[in-house]
């Protein structure tokens, strides 16, 4: 069986070689040339002078000062977002998997801290 498989592969390879020699494909690869004109400047290389507002913003940035917010496209400084969390009680805190709550964590209330040690919703003992 092995010998027959090897023979078929050899005959197929030889047949493919002979077939390609008898019937060559009509596809011919030719070198193509690209002509680049050195007289034209690429649009990407055209320099556009900065506007006065852009120049002011660059000067402020270079000196480390805050940029003026009166030029187009300027955004106001971001305001800090204050997140407040309120839980209805320790049952809700435990159900959400947030227990125990420490005094510096959001959602802590002294009325949920039974012994006043700064830890609310402690495990029930």
PDB file of N, CA and C in Angstrom:
ATOM      1  N   UNK A   1       0.830  -1.185   0.000  1.00  0.00           N
ATOM      2  CA  UNK A   1       0.000   0.000   0.000  1.00  0.00           C
ATOM      3  C   UNK A   1       0.877   1.253   0.000  1.00  0.00           C
ATOM      4  N   UNK A   2       1.960   1.241   0.840  1.00  0.00           N
ATOM      5  CA  UNK A   2       2.869   2.370   0.898  1.00  0.00           C
ATOM      6  C   UNK A   2       3.539   2.596  -0.456  1.00  0.00           C
ATOM      7  N   UNK A   3       3.935   1.504  -1.083  1.00  0.00           N
ATOM      8  CA  UNK A   3       4.627   1.616  -2.356  1.00  0.00           C
ATOM      9  C   UNK A   3       3.712   2.206  -3.424  1.00  0.00           C
ATOM     10  N   UNK A   4       2.453   1.822  -3.390  1.00  0.00           N
ATOM     11  CA  UNK A   4       1.509   2.343  -4.368  1.00  0.00           C
ATOM     12  C   UNK A   4       1.290   3.845  -4.144  1.00  0.00           C
ATOM     13  N   UNK A   5       1.210   4.282  -2.885  1.00  0.00           N
ATOM     14  CA  UNK A   5       1.007   5.691  -2.570  1.00  0.00           C
ATOM     15  C   UNK A   5       2.216   6.515  -3.011  1.00  0.00           C
ATOM     16  N   UNK A   6       3.424   6.001  -2.771  1.00  0.00           N
ATOM     17  CA  UNK A   6       4.634   6.696  -3.196  1.00  0.00           C
ATOM     18  C   UNK A   6       4.662   6.796  -4.721  1.00  0.00           C
ATOM     19  N   UNK A   7       4.286   5.734  -5.409  1.00  0.00           N
ATOM     20  CA  UNK A   7       4.262   5.754  -6.869  1.00  0.00           C
ATOM     21  C   UNK A   7       3.278   6.775  -7.408  1.00  0.00           C
ATOM     22  N   UNK A   8       2.097   6.874  -6.796  1.00  0.00           N
ATOM     23  CA  UNK A   8       1.083   7.841  -7.252  1.00  0.00           C
ATOM     24  C   UNK A   8       1.585   9.263  -7.057  1.00  0.00           C
ATOM     25  N   UNK A   9       2.237   9.524  -5.919  1.00  0.00           N
ATOM     26  CA  UNK A   9       2.756  10.866  -5.659  1.00  0.00           C
ATOM     27  C   UNK A   9       3.843  11.224  -6.668  1.00  0.00           C
ATOM     28  N   UNK A  10       4.742  10.288  -6.966  1.00  0.00           N
ATOM     29  CA  UNK A  10       5.805  10.558  -7.934  1.00  0.00           C
ATOM     30  C   UNK A  10       5.240  10.784  -9.330  1.00  0.00           C
ATOM     31  N   UNK A  11       4.302   9.966  -9.734  1.00  0.00           N
ATOM     32  CA  UNK A  11       3.700  10.122 -11.064  1.00  0.00           C
ATOM     33  C   UNK A  11       2.933  11.441 -11.140  1.00  0.00           C
ATOM     34  N   UNK A  12       2.225  11.815 -10.070  1.00  0.00           N
ATOM     35  CA  UNK A  12       1.488  13.076 -10.056  1.00  0.00           C
ATOM     36  C   UNK A  12       2.412  14.270 -10.139  1.00  0.00           C
ATOM     37  N   UNK A  13       3.550  14.200  -9.417  1.00  0.00           N
ATOM     38  CA  UNK A  13       4.518  15.303  -9.478  1.00  0.00           C
ATOM     39  C   UNK A  13       5.114  15.434 -10.862  1.00  0.00           C
ATOM     40  N   UNK A  14       5.480  14.309 -11.466  1.00  0.00           N
ATOM     41  CA  UNK A  14       6.058  14.341 -12.815  1.00  0.00           C
ATOM     42  C   UNK A  14       5.028  14.831 -13.815  1.00  0.00           C
ATOM     43  N   UNK A  15       3.773  14.399 -13.653  1.00  0.00           N
ATOM     44  CA  UNK A  15       2.717  14.832 -14.572  1.00  0.00           C
ATOM     45  C   UNK A  15       2.464  16.332 -14.469  1.00  0.00           C
ATOM     46  N   UNK A  16       2.498  16.862 -13.275  1.00  0.00           N
ATOM     47  CA  UNK A  16       2.304  18.298 -13.105  1.00  0.00           C
ATOM     48  C   UNK A  16       3.422  19.094 -13.746  1.00  0.00           C
ATOM     49  N   UNK A  17       4.641  18.597 -13.621  1.00  0.00           N
ATOM     50  CA  UNK A  17       5.781  19.279 -14.223  1.00  0.00           C
ATOM     51  C   UNK A  17       5.660  19.272 -15.743  1.00  0.00           C
ATOM     52  N   UNK A  18       5.323  18.103 -16.311  1.00  0.00           N
ATOM     53  CA  UNK A  18       5.178  17.987 -17.761  1.00  0.00           C
ATOM     54  C   UNK A  18       4.023  18.851 -18.249  1.00  0.00           C
ATOM     55  N   UNK A  19       2.922  18.853 -17.529  1.00  0.00           N
ATOM     56  CA  UNK A  19       1.742  19.635 -17.921  1.00  0.00           C
ATOM     57  C   UNK A  19       2.083  21.122 -17.973  1.00  0.00           C
ATOM     58  N   UNK A  20       2.811  21.623 -16.973  1.00  0.00           N
ATOM     59  CA  UNK A  20       3.143  23.041 -16.961  1.00  0.00           C
ATOM     60  C   UNK A  20       4.141  23.389 -18.056  1.00  0.00           C
ATOM     61  N   UNK A  21       4.953  22.426 -18.482  1.00  0.00           N
ATOM     62  CA  UNK A  21       5.902  22.682 -19.556  1.00  0.00           C
ATOM     63  C   UNK A  21       5.202  22.685 -20.908  1.00  0.00           C
ATOM     64  N   UNK A  22       4.197  21.831 -21.077  1.00  0.00           N
ATOM     65  CA  UNK A  22       3.478  21.742 -22.349  1.00  0.00           C
ATOM     66  C   UNK A  22       2.525  22.921 -22.513  1.00  0.00           C
ATOM     67  N   UNK A  23       1.787  23.271 -21.453  1.00  0.00           N
ATOM     68  CA  UNK A  23       0.792  24.340 -21.510  1.00  0.00           C
ATOM     69  C   UNK A  23       1.187  25.474 -20.547  1.00  0.00           C
ATOM     70  N   UNK A  24       2.116  26.334 -20.950  1.00  0.00           N
ATOM     71  CA  UNK A  24       2.515  27.420 -20.060  1.00  0.00           C
ATOM     72  C   UNK A  24       1.365  28.415 -19.893  1.00  0.00           C
ATOM     73  N   UNK A  25       1.336  29.038 -18.760  1.00  0.00           N
ATOM     74  CA  UNK A  25       0.276  30.017 -18.523  1.00  0.00           C
ATOM     75  C   UNK A  25       0.569  31.280 -19.309  1.00  0.00           C
ATOM     76  N   UNK A  26      -0.472  32.012 -19.594  1.00  0.00           N
ATOM     77  CA  UNK A  26      -0.345  33.225 -20.387  1.00  0.00           C
ATOM     78  C   UNK A  26      -0.005  34.447 -19.529  1.00  0.00           C
ATOM     79  N   UNK A  27       0.146  34.251 -18.247  1.00  0.00           N
ATOM     80  CA  UNK A  27       0.429  35.369 -17.361  1.00  0.00           C
ATOM     81  C   UNK A  27       1.913  35.674 -17.427  1.00  0.00           C
ATOM     82  N   UNK A  28       2.226  36.899 -17.745  1.00  0.00           N
ATOM     83  CA  UNK A  28       3.615  37.340 -17.790  1.00  0.00           C
ATOM     84  C   UNK A  28       3.769  38.498 -16.813  1.00  0.00           C
ATOM     85  N   UNK A  29       4.756  38.415 -15.961  1.00  0.00           N
ATOM     86  CA  UNK A  29       5.018  39.483 -15.009  1.00  0.00           C
ATOM     87  C   UNK A  29       6.010  40.451 -15.618  1.00  0.00           C
ATOM     88  N   UNK A  30       5.661  41.711 -15.598  1.00  0.00           N
ATOM     89  CA  UNK A  30       6.547  42.735 -16.123  1.00  0.00           C
ATOM     90  C   UNK A  30       6.831  43.732 -15.017  1.00  0.00           C
ATOM     91  N   UNK A  31       7.989  44.339 -15.091  1.00  0.00           N
ATOM     92  CA  UNK A  31       8.334  45.348 -14.116  1.00  0.00           C
ATOM     93  C   UNK A  31       7.553  46.620 -14.415  1.00  0.00           C
ATOM     94  N   UNK A  32       7.012  47.210 -13.379  1.00  0.00           N
ATOM     95  CA  UNK A  32       6.312  48.476 -13.567  1.00  0.00           C
ATOM     96  C   UNK A  32       7.165  49.584 -12.966  1.00  0.00           C
ATOM     97  N   UNK A  33       7.091  50.711 -13.566  1.00  0.00           N
ATOM     98  CA  UNK A  33       7.860  51.844 -13.070  1.00  0.00           C
ATOM     99  C   UNK A  33       6.911  52.923 -12.600  1.00  0.00           C
ATOM    100  N   UNK A  34       7.281  53.580 -11.537  1.00  0.00           N
ATOM    101  CA  UNK A  34       6.492  54.673 -10.998  1.00  0.00           C
ATOM    102  C   UNK A  34       7.336  55.929 -11.115  1.00  0.00           C
ATOM    103  N   UNK A  35       6.753  56.935 -11.731  1.00  0.00           N
ATOM    104  CA  UNK A  35       7.468  58.191 -11.905  1.00  0.00           C
ATOM    105  C   UNK A  35       6.991  59.170 -10.843  1.00  0.00           C
ATOM    106  N   UNK A  36       7.941  59.695 -10.093  1.00  0.00           N
ATOM    107  CA  UNK A  36       7.618  60.666  -9.056  1.00  0.00           C
ATOM    108  C   UNK A  36       8.173  62.002  -9.489  1.00  0.00           C
ATOM    109  N   UNK A  37       7.308  62.968  -9.559  1.00  0.00           N
ATOM    110  CA  UNK A  37       7.731  64.303  -9.935  1.00  0.00           C
ATOM    111  C   UNK A  37       8.349  64.982  -8.734  1.00  0.00           C
ATOM    112  N   UNK A  38       9.562  65.480  -8.892  1.00  0.00           N
ATOM    113  CA  UNK A  38      10.239  66.142  -7.785  1.00  0.00           C
ATOM    114  C   UNK A  38       9.902  67.629  -7.732  1.00  0.00           C
ATOM    115  N   UNK A  39       9.124  68.093  -8.689  1.00  0.00           N
ATOM    116  CA  UNK A  39       8.772  69.508  -8.723  1.00  0.00           C
ATOM    117  C   UNK A  39       7.555  69.822  -7.866  1.00  0.00           C
ATOM    118  N   UNK A  40       6.711  68.828  -7.609  1.00  0.00           N
ATOM    119  CA  UNK A  40       5.490  69.046  -6.816  1.00  0.00           C
ATOM    120  C   UNK A  40       5.759  68.709  -5.364  1.00  0.00           C
ATOM    121  N   UNK A  41       5.187  69.508  -4.487  1.00  0.00           N
ATOM    122  CA  UNK A  41       5.317  69.244  -3.062  1.00  0.00           C
ATOM    123  C   UNK A  41       4.068  68.504  -2.600  1.00  0.00           C
ATOM    124  N   UNK A  42       4.267  67.513  -1.759  1.00  0.00           N
ATOM    125  CA  UNK A  42       3.155  66.736  -1.235  1.00  0.00           C
ATOM    126  C   UNK A  42       2.278  67.624  -0.365  1.00  0.00           C
ATOM    127  N   UNK A  43       0.941  67.440  -0.407  1.00  0.00           N
ATOM    128  CA  UNK A  43       0.069  68.252   0.437  1.00  0.00           C
ATOM    129  C   UNK A  43       0.358  68.081   1.919  1.00  0.00           C
ATOM    130  N   UNK A  44       0.921  66.947   2.310  1.00  0.00           N
ATOM    131  CA  UNK A  44       1.214  66.723   3.719  1.00  0.00           C
ATOM    132  C   UNK A  44       2.377  67.589   4.178  1.00  0.00           C
ATOM    133  N   UNK A  45       3.179  68.107   3.250  1.00  0.00           N
ATOM    134  CA  UNK A  45       4.347  68.880   3.618  1.00  0.00           C
ATOM    135  C   UNK A  45       4.111  70.382   3.567  1.00  0.00           C
ATOM    136  N   UNK A  46       2.930  70.798   3.209  1.00  0.00           N
ATOM    137  CA  UNK A  46       2.621  72.219   3.168  1.00  0.00           C
ATOM    138  C   UNK A  46       2.475  72.716   4.587  1.00  0.00           C
ATOM    139  N   UNK A  47       3.192  73.767   4.913  1.00  0.00           N
ATOM    140  CA  UNK A  47       3.147  74.302   6.271  1.00  0.00           C
ATOM    141  C   UNK A  47       2.070  75.372   6.371  1.00  0.00           C
ATOM    142  N   UNK A  48       1.268  75.255   7.411  1.00  0.00           N
ATOM    143  CA  UNK A  48       0.216  76.221   7.673  1.00  0.00           C
ATOM    144  C   UNK A  48       0.631  77.013   8.900  1.00  0.00           C
ATOM    145  N   UNK A  49       0.682  78.335   8.796  1.00  0.00           N
ATOM    146  CA  UNK A  49       1.097  79.119   9.963  1.00  0.00           C
ATOM    147  C   UNK A  49       0.061  79.015  11.082  1.00  0.00           C
ATOM    148  N   UNK A  50       0.512  78.984  12.343  1.00  0.00           N
ATOM    149  CA  UNK A  50      -0.431  78.879  13.452  1.00  0.00           C
ATOM    150  C   UNK A  50      -1.219  80.175  13.628  1.00  0.00           C
ATOM    151  N   UNK A  51      -2.411  80.029  14.146  1.00  0.00           N
ATOM    152  CA  UNK A  51      -3.222  81.204  14.441  1.00  0.00           C
ATOM    153  C   UNK A  51      -2.697  81.841  15.722  1.00  0.00           C
ATOM    154  N   UNK A  52      -3.185  83.036  16.030  1.00  0.00           N
ATOM    155  CA  UNK A  52      -2.742  83.715  17.253  1.00  0.00           C
ATOM    156  C   UNK A  52      -3.123  82.907  18.487  1.00  0.00           C
ATOM    157  N   UNK A  53      -4.319  82.329  18.476  1.00  0.00           N
ATOM    158  CA  UNK A  53      -4.768  81.541  19.625  1.00  0.00           C
ATOM    159  C   UNK A  53      -3.895  80.305  19.803  1.00  0.00           C
ATOM    160  N   UNK A  54      -3.508  79.680  18.692  1.00  0.00           N
ATOM    161  CA  UNK A  54      -2.636  78.511  18.784  1.00  0.00           C
ATOM    162  C   UNK A  54      -1.270  78.907  19.337  1.00  0.00           C
ATOM    163  N   UNK A  55      -0.750  80.070  18.896  1.00  0.00           N
ATOM    164  CA  UNK A  55       0.539  80.534  19.365  1.00  0.00           C
ATOM    165  C   UNK A  55       0.500  80.839  20.866  1.00  0.00           C
ATOM    166  N   UNK A  56      -0.595  81.449  21.328  1.00  0.00           N
ATOM    167  CA  UNK A  56      -0.743  81.739  22.763  1.00  0.00           C
ATOM    168  C   UNK A  56      -0.811  80.444  23.572  1.00  0.00           C
ATOM    169  N   UNK A  57      -1.577  79.489  23.086  1.00  0.00           N
ATOM    170  CA  UNK A  57      -1.708  78.219  23.793  1.00  0.00           C
ATOM    171  C   UNK A  57      -0.367  77.498  23.855  1.00  0.00           C
ATOM    172  N   UNK A  58       0.416  77.561  22.773  1.00  0.00           N
ATOM    173  CA  UNK A  58       1.723  76.913  22.771  1.00  0.00           C
ATOM    174  C   UNK A  58       2.661  77.583  23.768  1.00  0.00           C
ATOM    175  N   UNK A  59       2.647  78.928  23.799  1.00  0.00           N
ATOM    176  CA  UNK A  59       3.509  79.647  24.746  1.00  0.00           C
ATOM    177  C   UNK A  59       3.141  79.286  26.179  1.00  0.00           C
ATOM    178  N   UNK A  60       1.841  79.210  26.467  1.00  0.00           N
ATOM    179  CA  UNK A  60       1.400  78.852  27.822  1.00  0.00           C
ATOM    180  C   UNK A  60       1.845  77.435  28.159  1.00  0.00           C
ATOM    181  N   UNK A  61       1.699  76.513  27.215  1.00  0.00           N
ATOM    182  CA  UNK A  61       2.087  75.125  27.451  1.00  0.00           C
ATOM    183  C   UNK A  61       3.599  75.026  27.670  1.00  0.00           C
ATOM    184  N   UNK A  62       4.381  75.761  26.858  1.00  0.00           N
ATOM    185  CA  UNK A  62       5.837  75.688  26.950  1.00  0.00           C
ATOM    186  C   UNK A  62       6.353  76.236  28.269  1.00  0.00           C
ATOM    187  N   UNK A  63       5.662  77.216  28.840  1.00  0.00           N
ATOM    188  CA  UNK A  63       6.107  77.796  30.107  1.00  0.00           C
ATOM    189  C   UNK A  63       5.470  77.116  31.307  1.00  0.00           C
ATOM    190  N   UNK A  64       4.569  76.170  31.067  1.00  0.00           N
ATOM    191  CA  UNK A  64       3.949  75.431  32.169  1.00  0.00           C
ATOM    192  C   UNK A  64       2.764  76.137  32.792  1.00  0.00           C
ATOM    193  N   UNK A  65       2.261  77.155  32.131  1.00  0.00           N
ATOM    194  CA  UNK A  65       1.110  77.891  32.648  1.00  0.00           C
ATOM    195  C   UNK A  65      -0.168  77.293  32.069  1.00  0.00           C
ATOM    196  N   UNK A  66      -1.292  77.498  32.758  1.00  0.00           N
ATOM    197  CA  UNK A  66      -2.554  77.013  32.197  1.00  0.00           C
ATOM    198  C   UNK A  66      -2.929  77.826  30.960  1.00  0.00           C
ATOM    199  N   UNK A  67      -3.461  77.138  29.982  1.00  0.00           N
ATOM    200  CA  UNK A  67      -3.843  77.803  28.738  1.00  0.00           C
ATOM    201  C   UNK A  67      -5.090  78.643  28.947  1.00  0.00           C
ATOM    202  N   UNK A  68      -5.211  79.690  28.161  1.00  0.00           N
ATOM    203  CA  UNK A  68      -6.399  80.534  28.205  1.00  0.00           C
ATOM    204  C   UNK A  68      -7.582  79.735  27.678  1.00  0.00           C
ATOM    205  N   UNK A  69      -8.750  79.961  28.226  1.00  0.00           N
ATOM    206  CA  UNK A  69      -9.928  79.202  27.793  1.00  0.00           C
ATOM    207  C   UNK A  69     -10.813  79.999  26.851  1.00  0.00           C
ATOM    208  N   UNK A  70     -10.303  81.117  26.303  1.00  0.00           N
ATOM    209  CA  UNK A  70     -11.138  81.921  25.414  1.00  0.00           C
ATOM    210  C   UNK A  70     -10.873  81.655  23.942  1.00  0.00           C
ATOM    211  N   UNK A  71     -10.081  80.668  23.604  1.00  0.00           N
ATOM    212  CA  UNK A  71      -9.853  80.359  22.202  1.00  0.00           C
ATOM    213  C   UNK A  71     -10.743  79.192  21.784  1.00  0.00           C
ATOM    214  N   UNK A  72     -11.087  79.106  20.502  1.00  0.00           N
ATOM    215  CA  UNK A  72     -11.989  78.042  20.038  1.00  0.00           C
ATOM    216  C   UNK A  72     -11.391  76.667  20.283  1.00  0.00           C
ATOM    217  N   UNK A  73     -12.211  75.766  20.756  1.00  0.00           N
ATOM    218  CA  UNK A  73     -11.778  74.403  21.000  1.00  0.00           C
ATOM    219  C   UNK A  73     -11.254  74.181  22.409  1.00  0.00           C
ATOM    220  N   UNK A  74     -11.117  75.267  23.185  1.00  0.00           N
ATOM    221  CA  UNK A  74     -10.625  75.107  24.554  1.00  0.00           C
ATOM    222  C   UNK A  74     -11.727  74.517  25.416  1.00  0.00           C
ATOM    223  N   UNK A  75     -11.329  73.687  26.319  1.00  0.00           N
ATOM    224  CA  UNK A  75     -12.301  73.092  27.231  1.00  0.00           C
ATOM    225  C   UNK A  75     -12.056  73.616  28.628  1.00  0.00           C
ATOM    226  N   UNK A  76     -13.093  73.663  29.401  1.00  0.00           N
ATOM    227  CA  UNK A  76     -12.959  74.110  30.776  1.00  0.00           C
ATOM    228  C   UNK A  76     -12.313  73.001  31.587  1.00  0.00           C
ATOM    229  N   UNK A  77     -11.578  73.380  32.638  1.00  0.00           N
ATOM    230  CA  UNK A  77     -10.961  72.341  33.465  1.00  0.00           C
ATOM    231  C   UNK A  77     -12.017  71.419  34.058  1.00  0.00           C
ATOM    232  N   UNK A  78     -11.682  70.168  34.139  1.00  0.00           N
ATOM    233  CA  UNK A  78     -12.629  69.183  34.660  1.00  0.00           C
ATOM    234  C   UNK A  78     -12.855  69.402  36.148  1.00  0.00           C
ATOM    235  N   UNK A  79     -14.098  69.335  36.551  1.00  0.00           N
ATOM    236  CA  UNK A  79     -14.440  69.453  37.961  1.00  0.00           C
ATOM    237  C   UNK A  79     -14.390  68.069  38.582  1.00  0.00           C
ATOM    238  N   UNK A  80     -13.897  67.970  39.795  1.00  0.00           N
ATOM    239  CA  UNK A  80     -13.868  66.650  40.422  1.00  0.00           C
ATOM    240  C   UNK A  80     -15.279  66.114  40.639  1.00  0.00           C
ATOM    241  N   UNK A  81     -15.441  64.839  40.397  1.00  0.00           N
ATOM    242  CA  UNK A  81     -16.733  64.195  40.567  1.00  0.00           C
ATOM    243  C   UNK A  81     -16.789  63.625  41.977  1.00  0.00           C
ATOM    244  N   UNK A  82     -17.829  63.990  42.690  1.00  0.00           N
ATOM    245  CA  UNK A  82     -17.986  63.507  44.050  1.00  0.00           C
ATOM    246  C   UNK A  82     -19.018  62.392  44.022  1.00  0.00           C
ATOM    247  N   UNK A  83     -18.603  61.213  44.425  1.00  0.00           N
ATOM    248  CA  UNK A  83     -19.508  60.073  44.467  1.00  0.00           C
ATOM    249  C   UNK A  83     -20.005  59.900  45.892  1.00  0.00           C
ATOM    250  N   UNK A  84     -21.293  59.837  46.036  1.00  0.00           N
ATOM    251  CA  UNK A  84     -21.855  59.562  47.352  1.00  0.00           C
ATOM    252  C   UNK A  84     -22.609  58.254  47.278  1.00  0.00           C
ATOM    253  N   UNK A  85     -22.443  57.470  48.306  1.00  0.00           N
ATOM    254  CA  UNK A  85     -23.101  56.172  48.376  1.00  0.00           C
ATOM    255  C   UNK A  85     -23.919  56.159  49.645  1.00  0.00           C
ATOM    256  N   UNK A  86     -25.148  55.716  49.527  1.00  0.00           N
ATOM    257  CA  UNK A  86     -26.006  55.598  50.701  1.00  0.00           C
ATOM    258  C   UNK A  86     -26.627  54.217  50.704  1.00  0.00           C
ATOM    259  N   UNK A  87     -26.472  53.528  51.817  1.00  0.00           N
ATOM    260  CA  UNK A  87     -27.075  52.212  51.981  1.00  0.00           C
ATOM    261  C   UNK A  87     -28.233  52.334  52.960  1.00  0.00           C
ATOM    262  N   UNK A  88     -29.254  51.524  52.738  1.00  0.00           N
ATOM    263  CA  UNK A  88     -30.406  51.563  53.634  1.00  0.00           C
ATOM    264  C   UNK A  88     -30.083  50.939  54.986  1.00  0.00           C
ATOM    265  N   UNK A  89     -29.141  50.064  55.019  1.00  0.00           N
ATOM    266  CA  UNK A  89     -28.745  49.426  56.268  1.00  0.00           C
ATOM    267  C   UNK A  89     -27.708  48.357  56.021  1.00  0.00           C
ATOM    268  N   UNK A  90     -27.328  47.684  57.087  1.00  0.00           N
ATOM    269  CA  UNK A  90     -26.276  46.663  56.990  1.00  0.00           C
ATOM    270  C   UNK A  90     -26.714  45.458  56.162  1.00  0.00           C
ATOM    271  N   UNK A  91     -28.021  45.172  56.114  1.00  0.00           N
ATOM    272  CA  UNK A  91     -28.477  44.048  55.288  1.00  0.00           C
ATOM    273  C   UNK A  91     -28.144  44.307  53.819  1.00  0.00           C
ATOM    274  N   UNK A  92     -28.347  45.534  53.373  1.00  0.00           N
ATOM    275  CA  UNK A  92     -28.031  45.868  51.978  1.00  0.00           C
ATOM    276  C   UNK A  92     -26.522  45.818  51.748  1.00  0.00           C
ATOM    277  N   UNK A  93     -25.748  46.320  52.693  1.00  0.00           N
ATOM    278  CA  UNK A  93     -24.285  46.298  52.561  1.00  0.00           C
ATOM    279  C   UNK A  93     -23.790  44.867  52.459  1.00  0.00           C
ATOM    280  N   UNK A  94     -24.303  43.986  53.290  1.00  0.00           N
ATOM    281  CA  UNK A  94     -23.886  42.580  53.248  1.00  0.00           C
ATOM    282  C   UNK A  94     -24.334  41.902  51.958  1.00  0.00           C
ATOM    283  N   UNK A  95     -25.558  42.231  51.496  1.00  0.00           N
ATOM    284  CA  UNK A  95     -26.065  41.625  50.260  1.00  0.00           C
ATOM    285  C   UNK A  95     -25.215  42.029  49.056  1.00  0.00           C
ATOM    286  N   UNK A  96     -24.663  43.240  49.091  1.00  0.00           N
ATOM    287  CA  UNK A  96     -23.812  43.701  47.993  1.00  0.00           C
ATOM    288  C   UNK A  96     -22.369  43.254  48.150  1.00  0.00           C
ATOM    289  N   UNK A  97     -22.046  42.606  49.265  1.00  0.00           N
ATOM    290  CA  UNK A  97     -20.691  42.119  49.487  1.00  0.00           C
ATOM    291  C   UNK A  97     -19.711  43.210  49.876  1.00  0.00           C
ATOM    292  N   UNK A  98     -20.200  44.315  50.418  1.00  0.00           N
ATOM    293  CA  UNK A  98     -19.340  45.444  50.783  1.00  0.00           C
ATOM    294  C   UNK A  98     -18.996  45.469  52.269  1.00  0.00           C
ATOM    295  N   UNK A  99     -19.541  44.565  53.035  1.00  0.00           N
ATOM    296  CA  UNK A  99     -19.320  44.576  54.485  1.00  0.00           C
ATOM    297  C   UNK A  99     -17.957  43.983  54.790  1.00  0.00           C
ATOM    298  N   UNK A 100     -17.289  44.435  55.804  1.00  0.00           N
ATOM    299  CA  UNK A 100     -17.602  45.551  56.685  1.00  0.00           C
ATOM    300  C   UNK A 100     -17.190  46.885  56.060  1.00  0.00           C
ATOM    301  N   UNK A 101     -17.855  47.954  56.471  1.00  0.00           N
ATOM    302  CA  UNK A 101     -17.543  49.304  56.012  1.00  0.00           C
ATOM    303  C   UNK A 101     -16.687  49.995  57.060  1.00  0.00           C
ATOM    304  N   UNK A 102     -15.599  50.584  56.635  1.00  0.00           N
ATOM    305  CA  UNK A 102     -14.736  51.330  57.533  1.00  0.00           C
ATOM    306  C   UNK A 102     -15.080  52.805  57.461  1.00  0.00           C
ATOM    307  N   UNK A 103     -14.676  53.562  58.443  1.00  0.00           N
ATOM    308  CA  UNK A 103     -15.099  54.960  58.557  1.00  0.00           C
ATOM    309  C   UNK A 103     -14.629  55.828  57.393  1.00  0.00           C
ATOM    310  N   UNK A 104     -13.572  55.449  56.680  1.00  0.00           N
ATOM    311  CA  UNK A 104     -13.100  56.252  55.552  1.00  0.00           C
ATOM    312  C   UNK A 104     -13.687  55.815  54.212  1.00  0.00           C
ATOM    313  N   UNK A 105     -14.570  54.846  54.209  1.00  0.00           N
ATOM    314  CA  UNK A 105     -15.169  54.355  52.965  1.00  0.00           C
ATOM    315  C   UNK A 105     -16.515  55.033  52.715  1.00  0.00           C
ATOM    316  N   UNK A 106     -16.874  55.180  51.434  1.00  0.00           N
ATOM    317  CA  UNK A 106     -18.183  55.765  51.116  1.00  0.00           C
ATOM    318  C   UNK A 106     -19.311  54.872  51.620  1.00  0.00           C
ATOM    319  N   UNK A 107     -20.349  55.479  52.124  1.00  0.00           N
ATOM    320  CA  UNK A 107     -21.502  54.740  52.611  1.00  0.00           C
ATOM    321  C   UNK A 107     -21.476  54.483  54.107  1.00  0.00           C
ATOM    322  N   UNK A 108     -20.353  54.751  54.750  1.00  0.00           N
ATOM    323  CA  UNK A 108     -20.254  54.545  56.204  1.00  0.00           C
ATOM    324  C   UNK A 108     -21.106  55.588  56.922  1.00  0.00           C
ATOM    325  N   UNK A 109     -21.879  55.133  57.874  1.00  0.00           N
ATOM    326  CA  UNK A 109     -22.651  56.019  58.750  1.00  0.00           C
ATOM    327  C   UNK A 109     -22.453  55.538  60.172  1.00  0.00           C
ATOM    328  N   UNK A 110     -22.380  56.482  61.077  1.00  0.00           N
ATOM    329  CA  UNK A 110     -22.146  56.126  62.479  1.00  0.00           C
ATOM    330  C   UNK A 110     -23.322  55.349  63.066  1.00  0.00           C
ATOM    331  N   UNK A 111     -24.538  55.541  62.516  1.00  0.00           N
ATOM    332  CA  UNK A 111     -25.676  54.791  63.060  1.00  0.00           C
ATOM    333  C   UNK A 111     -25.644  53.318  62.650  1.00  0.00           C
ATOM    334  N   UNK A 112     -24.805  52.943  61.681  1.00  0.00           N
ATOM    335  CA  UNK A 112     -24.651  51.531  61.320  1.00  0.00           C
ATOM    336  C   UNK A 112     -23.513  50.895  62.125  1.00  0.00           C
ATOM    337  N   UNK A 113     -22.745  51.714  62.827  1.00  0.00           N
ATOM    338  CA  UNK A 113     -21.626  51.227  63.640  1.00  0.00           C
ATOM    339  C   UNK A 113     -22.125  51.092  65.075  1.00  0.00           C
ATOM    340  N   UNK A 114     -22.482  49.880  65.449  1.00  0.00           N
ATOM    341  CA  UNK A 114     -23.094  49.645  66.754  1.00  0.00           C
ATOM    342  C   UNK A 114     -22.174  49.906  67.928  1.00  0.00           C
ATOM    343  N   UNK A 115     -20.895  49.559  67.841  1.00  0.00           N
ATOM    344  CA  UNK A 115     -20.002  49.732  68.983  1.00  0.00           C
ATOM    345  C   UNK A 115     -19.114  50.969  68.872  1.00  0.00           C
ATOM    346  N   UNK A 116     -19.246  51.750  67.785  1.00  0.00           N
ATOM    347  CA  UNK A 116     -18.529  53.014  67.649  1.00  0.00           C
ATOM    348  C   UNK A 116     -17.037  52.878  67.448  1.00  0.00           C
ATOM    349  N   UNK A 117     -16.568  51.747  66.896  1.00  0.00           N
ATOM    350  CA  UNK A 117     -15.139  51.557  66.702  1.00  0.00           C
ATOM    351  C   UNK A 117     -14.653  51.948  65.294  1.00  0.00           C
ATOM    352  N   UNK A 118     -15.534  52.525  64.463  1.00  0.00           N
ATOM    353  CA  UNK A 118     -15.158  52.936  63.105  1.00  0.00           C
ATOM    354  C   UNK A 118     -15.350  51.856  62.072  1.00  0.00           C
ATOM    355  N   UNK A 119     -15.958  50.738  62.462  1.00  0.00           N
ATOM    356  CA  UNK A 119     -16.229  49.654  61.523  1.00  0.00           C
ATOM    357  C   UNK A 119     -17.725  49.352  61.599  1.00  0.00           C
ATOM    358  N   UNK A 120     -18.418  49.615  60.480  1.00  0.00           N
ATOM    359  CA  UNK A 120     -19.872  49.377  60.443  1.00  0.00           C
ATOM    360  C   UNK A 120     -20.146  48.054  59.757  1.00  0.00           C
ATOM    361  N   UNK A 121     -21.273  47.472  60.096  1.00  0.00           N
ATOM    362  CA  UNK A 121     -21.747  46.228  59.484  1.00  0.00           C
ATOM    363  C   UNK A 121     -20.731  45.087  59.673  1.00  0.00           C
ATOM    364  N   UNK A 122     -20.228  44.983  60.875  1.00  0.00           N
ATOM    365  CA  UNK A 122     -19.285  43.923  61.192  1.00  0.00           C
ATOM    366  C   UNK A 122     -19.995  42.570  61.145  1.00  0.00           C
ATOM    367  N   UNK A 123     -19.252  41.505  60.940  1.00  0.00           N
ATOM    368  CA  UNK A 123     -19.879  40.184  60.934  1.00  0.00           C
ATOM    369  C   UNK A 123     -20.593  39.909  62.250  1.00  0.00           C
ATOM    370  N   UNK A 124     -21.726  39.259  62.166  1.00  0.00           N
ATOM    371  CA  UNK A 124     -22.494  38.935  63.353  1.00  0.00           C
ATOM    372  C   UNK A 124     -21.799  37.794  64.069  1.00  0.00           C
ATOM    373  N   UNK A 125     -21.614  37.954  65.408  1.00  0.00           N
ATOM    374  CA  UNK A 125     -20.898  36.939  66.178  1.00  0.00           C
ATOM    375  C   UNK A 125     -21.842  36.177  67.048  1.00  0.00           C
TER     376      UNK A 125
END
